[in-house]
Amino acid sequence: MQREHAESADPATSGLHGRAGMVAGAGPNSWNAMPPTREEVVQLIRGAFLESSWIVVGEILDHYGVEPHEPERERVQVAILKLSGSDEGKLLHFVAAAKQDYRDVLWWSEYPEETKQ
């Protein structure tokens, strides 16, 4: 089964929507989407950050998903990447937020219009 590609016009998140954006559950139309894979997370890192940052960004992201109460590792990591907008400071912030309550990060990422209200 092939997944749909949805391109973003938003330059702040370009490279973060494509296949993995849809896979990550981009709102109410994602009910049948498959969860993202580790390979997709790596591709998003490579599309959003400079090559010199890839390893560090991966290590930062990998702080989420190590504890038993941190489910859906790749889905949450995709949400963190989307929210970070290629900013390592924001990446750290959203990893910390996900470790507190991963549902917040998913909500902010997948339902951005509702969070602006």
N, C-alpha and C. Protein backbone atom coordinates (compact mmCIF):
# COMPACT_ATOMS: atom_id res chain seq x y z
N MET A 1 0.84 -1.17 0.00
CA MET A 1 0.00 0.00 0.00
C MET A 1 0.89 1.24 0.00
N GLN A 2 0.69 2.13 -0.94
CA GLN A 2 1.47 3.35 -0.97
C GLN A 2 0.78 4.43 -0.18
N ARG A 3 1.58 5.29 0.44
CA ARG A 3 1.04 6.39 1.22
C ARG A 3 0.98 7.64 0.36
N GLU A 4 0.02 8.51 0.69
CA GLU A 4 -0.14 9.76 -0.04
C GLU A 4 0.96 10.73 0.33
N HIS A 5 1.33 11.59 -0.61
CA HIS A 5 2.30 12.66 -0.37
C HIS A 5 1.54 13.97 -0.32
N ALA A 6 1.68 14.69 0.77
CA ALA A 6 1.04 15.99 0.91
C ALA A 6 2.13 17.03 1.12
N GLU A 7 2.37 17.89 0.14
CA GLU A 7 3.44 18.88 0.24
C GLU A 7 2.95 20.10 0.99
N SER A 8 3.83 20.71 1.75
CA SER A 8 3.52 21.90 2.52
C SER A 8 4.01 23.13 1.78
N ALA A 9 3.21 24.18 1.81
CA ALA A 9 3.62 25.45 1.24
C ALA A 9 4.31 26.31 2.27
N ASP A 10 4.33 25.89 3.50
CA ASP A 10 4.91 26.64 4.59
C ASP A 10 6.42 26.40 4.63
N PRO A 11 7.24 27.43 4.35
CA PRO A 11 8.68 27.22 4.32
C PRO A 11 9.25 26.84 5.67
N ALA A 12 8.58 27.20 6.75
CA ALA A 12 9.09 26.87 8.08
C ALA A 12 9.05 25.38 8.34
N THR A 13 8.17 24.68 7.64
CA THR A 13 8.07 23.23 7.87
C THR A 13 8.29 22.45 6.59
N SER A 14 8.85 23.06 5.56
CA SER A 14 9.07 22.33 4.32
C SER A 14 9.97 21.14 4.59
N GLY A 15 9.68 20.06 3.93
CA GLY A 15 10.43 18.84 4.15
C GLY A 15 9.89 18.03 5.32
N LEU A 16 8.93 18.58 6.05
CA LEU A 16 8.40 17.87 7.21
C LEU A 16 7.00 17.33 6.97
N HIS A 17 6.43 17.63 5.84
CA HIS A 17 5.07 17.16 5.61
C HIS A 17 5.02 15.97 4.68
N GLY A 18 5.61 16.03 3.55
CA GLY A 18 5.62 14.93 2.60
C GLY A 18 4.98 13.65 3.08
N ARG A 19 5.61 12.56 2.86
CA ARG A 19 5.08 11.26 3.23
C ARG A 19 4.92 11.13 4.74
N ALA A 20 5.94 11.49 5.48
CA ALA A 20 5.89 11.31 6.93
C ALA A 20 4.88 12.25 7.58
N GLY A 21 4.64 13.41 6.96
CA GLY A 21 3.63 14.31 7.51
C GLY A 21 2.26 13.65 7.50
N MET A 22 1.93 12.99 6.41
CA MET A 22 0.66 12.28 6.32
C MET A 22 0.68 11.08 7.25
N VAL A 23 1.80 10.39 7.26
CA VAL A 23 1.93 9.21 8.10
C VAL A 23 1.78 9.57 9.56
N ALA A 24 2.27 10.74 9.92
CA ALA A 24 2.26 11.15 11.32
C ALA A 24 0.86 11.39 11.84
N GLY A 25 -0.10 11.45 10.97
CA GLY A 25 -1.45 11.70 11.41
C GLY A 25 -1.73 13.19 11.39
N ALA A 26 -1.87 13.72 10.21
CA ALA A 26 -2.04 15.17 10.06
C ALA A 26 -3.50 15.56 10.23
N GLY A 27 -4.08 15.18 11.32
CA GLY A 27 -5.44 15.61 11.62
C GLY A 27 -6.48 14.54 11.37
N PRO A 28 -7.73 14.97 11.17
CA PRO A 28 -8.83 14.03 11.12
C PRO A 28 -8.82 13.09 9.92
N ASN A 29 -8.08 13.39 8.87
CA ASN A 29 -8.05 12.52 7.70
C ASN A 29 -7.01 11.42 7.81
N SER A 30 -6.36 11.30 8.94
CA SER A 30 -5.27 10.35 9.08
C SER A 30 -5.69 9.04 9.76
N TRP A 31 -6.95 8.79 9.89
CA TRP A 31 -7.41 7.62 10.63
C TRP A 31 -6.88 6.32 10.08
N ASN A 32 -6.58 6.27 8.79
CA ASN A 32 -6.09 5.02 8.22
C ASN A 32 -4.60 5.08 7.90
N ALA A 33 -3.93 6.12 8.33
CA ALA A 33 -2.51 6.25 8.05
C ALA A 33 -1.69 5.29 8.89
N MET A 34 -0.61 4.81 8.31
CA MET A 34 0.29 3.92 9.04
C MET A 34 1.27 4.78 9.83
N PRO A 35 1.73 4.28 10.97
CA PRO A 35 2.70 5.06 11.76
C PRO A 35 4.01 5.21 10.98
N PRO A 36 4.72 6.31 11.22
CA PRO A 36 6.00 6.50 10.52
C PRO A 36 7.04 5.51 11.01
N THR A 37 8.02 5.28 10.18
CA THR A 37 9.12 4.37 10.51
C THR A 37 10.34 5.18 10.94
N ARG A 38 11.32 4.50 11.49
CA ARG A 38 12.57 5.15 11.86
C ARG A 38 13.25 5.76 10.63
N GLU A 39 13.18 5.07 9.51
CA GLU A 39 13.79 5.57 8.28
C GLU A 39 13.15 6.90 7.86
N GLU A 40 11.85 7.04 8.07
CA GLU A 40 11.17 8.29 7.74
C GLU A 40 11.60 9.42 8.68
N VAL A 41 11.79 9.10 9.94
CA VAL A 41 12.29 10.10 10.90
C VAL A 41 13.67 10.58 10.45
N VAL A 42 14.54 9.66 10.08
CA VAL A 42 15.89 10.01 9.62
C VAL A 42 15.82 10.90 8.38
N GLN A 43 14.93 10.57 7.44
CA GLN A 43 14.79 11.39 6.24
C GLN A 43 14.32 12.80 6.58
N LEU A 44 13.42 12.92 7.53
CA LEU A 44 12.95 14.24 7.95
C LEU A 44 14.08 15.05 8.59
N ILE A 45 14.89 14.39 9.39
CA ILE A 45 16.05 15.07 9.98
C ILE A 45 16.94 15.61 8.87
N ARG A 46 17.22 14.78 7.89
CA ARG A 46 18.11 15.17 6.79
C ARG A 46 17.50 16.29 5.94
N GLY A 47 16.18 16.34 5.87
CA GLY A 47 15.53 17.38 5.09
C GLY A 47 15.38 18.70 5.82
N ALA A 48 15.46 18.66 7.15
CA ALA A 48 15.18 19.86 7.93
C ALA A 48 16.41 20.50 8.56
N PHE A 49 17.48 19.73 8.73
CA PHE A 49 18.65 20.24 9.43
C PHE A 49 19.89 20.11 8.55
N LEU A 50 20.89 20.92 8.84
CA LEU A 50 22.16 20.84 8.14
C LEU A 50 22.83 19.50 8.44
N GLU A 51 23.58 19.01 7.49
CA GLU A 51 24.25 17.71 7.65
C GLU A 51 25.10 17.66 8.91
N SER A 52 25.74 18.77 9.24
CA SER A 52 26.59 18.81 10.43
C SER A 52 25.81 18.61 11.73
N SER A 53 24.47 18.73 11.67
CA SER A 53 23.62 18.59 12.86
C SER A 53 22.88 17.26 12.94
N TRP A 54 22.94 16.47 11.90
CA TRP A 54 22.12 15.26 11.84
C TRP A 54 22.30 14.35 13.05
N ILE A 55 23.52 14.07 13.43
CA ILE A 55 23.76 13.15 14.54
C ILE A 55 23.24 13.73 15.84
N VAL A 56 23.54 14.99 16.10
CA VAL A 56 23.09 15.63 17.34
C VAL A 56 21.57 15.67 17.39
N VAL A 57 20.93 16.03 16.29
CA VAL A 57 19.46 16.09 16.25
C VAL A 57 18.87 14.71 16.52
N GLY A 58 19.43 13.68 15.91
CA GLY A 58 18.97 12.31 16.17
C GLY A 58 19.13 11.92 17.63
N GLU A 59 20.25 12.30 18.22
CA GLU A 59 20.47 11.99 19.64
C GLU A 59 19.48 12.73 20.54
N ILE A 60 19.19 13.98 20.20
CA ILE A 60 18.21 14.75 20.97
C ILE A 60 16.83 14.10 20.86
N LEU A 61 16.43 13.78 19.64
CA LEU A 61 15.13 13.14 19.43
C LEU A 61 15.02 11.82 20.17
N ASP A 62 16.11 11.09 20.21
CA ASP A 62 16.09 9.77 20.84
C ASP A 62 15.95 9.82 22.35
N HIS A 63 15.95 11.00 22.94
CA HIS A 63 15.63 11.09 24.36
C HIS A 63 14.15 10.79 24.60
N TYR A 64 13.33 10.96 23.55
CA TYR A 64 11.92 10.59 23.67
C TYR A 64 11.76 9.14 23.20
N GLY A 65 11.01 8.37 23.96
CA GLY A 65 10.69 7.00 23.57
C GLY A 65 11.48 5.94 24.31
N VAL A 66 12.27 6.35 25.28
CA VAL A 66 13.07 5.37 26.02
C VAL A 66 12.37 4.86 27.27
N GLU A 67 11.44 5.62 27.79
CA GLU A 67 10.71 5.23 28.99
C GLU A 67 9.42 4.49 28.61
N PRO A 68 8.95 3.60 29.47
CA PRO A 68 7.73 2.83 29.16
C PRO A 68 6.49 3.73 28.95
N HIS A 69 6.47 4.89 29.57
CA HIS A 69 5.32 5.79 29.44
C HIS A 69 5.45 6.74 28.25
N GLU A 70 6.39 6.48 27.35
CA GLU A 70 6.61 7.30 26.16
C GLU A 70 6.31 6.49 24.90
N PRO A 71 5.03 6.36 24.56
CA PRO A 71 4.64 5.52 23.42
C PRO A 71 4.79 6.23 22.07
N GLU A 72 4.53 5.50 21.03
CA GLU A 72 4.48 6.00 19.66
C GLU A 72 5.72 6.83 19.31
N ARG A 73 6.85 6.23 19.54
CA ARG A 73 8.13 6.93 19.41
C ARG A 73 8.27 7.71 18.10
N GLU A 74 8.15 7.05 16.97
CA GLU A 74 8.37 7.71 15.69
C GLU A 74 7.30 8.76 15.40
N ARG A 75 6.06 8.48 15.74
CA ARG A 75 4.99 9.46 15.51
C ARG A 75 5.26 10.74 16.31
N VAL A 76 5.65 10.59 17.55
CA VAL A 76 5.94 11.75 18.39
C VAL A 76 7.20 12.46 17.89
N GLN A 77 8.20 11.71 17.46
CA GLN A 77 9.41 12.34 16.94
C GLN A 77 9.12 13.15 15.68
N VAL A 78 8.26 12.66 14.82
CA VAL A 78 7.86 13.42 13.63
C VAL A 78 7.16 14.70 14.05
N ALA A 79 6.28 14.61 15.03
CA ALA A 79 5.59 15.81 15.53
C ALA A 79 6.59 16.82 16.10
N ILE A 80 7.57 16.33 16.84
CA ILE A 80 8.60 17.21 17.40
C ILE A 80 9.37 17.91 16.28
N LEU A 81 9.75 17.16 15.25
CA LEU A 81 10.46 17.75 14.12
C LEU A 81 9.62 18.81 13.43
N LYS A 82 8.36 18.52 13.23
CA LYS A 82 7.46 19.47 12.58
C LYS A 82 7.37 20.76 13.39
N LEU A 83 7.21 20.63 14.69
CA LEU A 83 7.06 21.80 15.55
C LEU A 83 8.35 22.59 15.71
N SER A 84 9.49 21.92 15.60
CA SER A 84 10.77 22.59 15.82
C SER A 84 11.13 23.56 14.72
N GLY A 85 10.60 23.34 13.52
CA GLY A 85 10.92 24.24 12.42
C GLY A 85 12.41 24.36 12.16
N SER A 86 13.14 23.30 12.26
CA SER A 86 14.58 23.26 12.01
C SER A 86 15.40 24.06 13.02
N ASP A 87 14.87 24.26 14.21
CA ASP A 87 15.54 25.03 15.26
C ASP A 87 15.88 24.08 16.40
N GLU A 88 17.18 23.91 16.67
CA GLU A 88 17.60 22.96 17.71
C GLU A 88 17.10 23.35 19.09
N GLY A 89 16.99 24.64 19.37
CA GLY A 89 16.45 25.08 20.66
C GLY A 89 15.00 24.65 20.83
N LYS A 90 14.21 24.82 19.76
CA LYS A 90 12.81 24.39 19.81
C LYS A 90 12.73 22.87 19.88
N LEU A 91 13.65 22.20 19.22
CA LEU A 91 13.69 20.74 19.27
C LEU A 91 13.84 20.27 20.71
N LEU A 92 14.77 20.87 21.43
CA LEU A 92 14.97 20.52 22.85
C LEU A 92 13.70 20.80 23.66
N HIS A 93 13.08 21.94 23.39
CA HIS A 93 11.85 22.32 24.11
C HIS A 93 10.75 21.29 23.88
N PHE A 94 10.54 20.89 22.63
CA PHE A 94 9.44 19.97 22.34
C PHE A 94 9.74 18.53 22.76
N VAL A 95 11.01 18.15 22.80
CA VAL A 95 11.35 16.83 23.36
C VAL A 95 11.00 16.82 24.85
N ALA A 96 11.37 17.89 25.55
CA ALA A 96 11.04 17.98 26.98
C ALA A 96 9.53 17.97 27.19
N ALA A 97 8.80 18.68 26.34
CA ALA A 97 7.34 18.70 26.45
C ALA A 97 6.76 17.31 26.22
N ALA A 98 7.29 16.60 25.23
CA ALA A 98 6.80 15.24 24.94
C ALA A 98 7.08 14.29 26.10
N LYS A 99 8.20 14.45 26.76
CA LYS A 99 8.52 13.60 27.89
C LYS A 99 7.57 13.86 29.06
N GLN A 100 7.05 15.07 29.15
CA GLN A 100 6.06 15.38 30.19
C GLN A 100 4.70 14.79 29.83
N ASP A 101 4.25 15.06 28.59
CA ASP A 101 2.97 14.53 28.10
C ASP A 101 2.99 14.55 26.58
N TYR A 102 3.26 13.40 25.98
CA TYR A 102 3.42 13.30 24.54
C TYR A 102 2.16 13.75 23.78
N ARG A 103 1.01 13.66 24.43
CA ARG A 103 -0.24 14.04 23.76
C ARG A 103 -0.27 15.52 23.42
N ASP A 104 0.38 16.34 24.22
CA ASP A 104 0.45 17.78 23.92
C ASP A 104 1.15 18.01 22.59
N VAL A 105 2.29 17.37 22.41
CA VAL A 105 3.07 17.55 21.18
C VAL A 105 2.27 17.06 19.97
N LEU A 106 1.60 15.93 20.11
CA LEU A 106 0.78 15.43 19.00
C LEU A 106 -0.35 16.41 18.68
N TRP A 107 -0.98 16.93 19.70
CA TRP A 107 -2.08 17.88 19.51
C TRP A 107 -1.59 19.14 18.78
N TRP A 108 -0.50 19.71 19.28
CA TRP A 108 0.04 20.94 18.67
C TRP A 108 0.42 20.71 17.22
N SER A 109 0.97 19.55 16.93
CA SER A 109 1.44 19.25 15.58
C SER A 109 0.30 18.88 14.62
N GLU A 110 -0.62 18.07 15.09
CA GLU A 110 -1.64 17.53 14.21
C GLU A 110 -2.88 18.40 14.10
N TYR A 111 -3.09 19.29 15.05
CA TYR A 111 -4.26 20.16 15.05
C TYR A 111 -3.85 21.61 15.32
N PRO A 112 -2.99 22.18 14.47
CA PRO A 112 -2.47 23.52 14.75
C PRO A 112 -3.54 24.60 14.78
N GLU A 113 -4.60 24.46 14.01
CA GLU A 113 -5.65 25.48 14.00
C GLU A 113 -6.38 25.53 15.34
N GLU A 114 -6.62 24.38 15.95
CA GLU A 114 -7.31 24.34 17.23
C GLU A 114 -6.45 24.92 18.35
N THR A 115 -5.14 24.79 18.23
CA THR A 115 -4.27 25.28 19.28
C THR A 115 -4.10 26.80 19.23
N LYS A 116 -4.46 27.42 18.11
CA LYS A 116 -4.33 28.88 17.99
C LYS A 116 -5.50 29.61 18.63
N GLN A 117 -6.57 28.90 18.95
CA GLN A 117 -7.77 29.54 19.49
C GLN A 117 -7.61 29.97 20.92
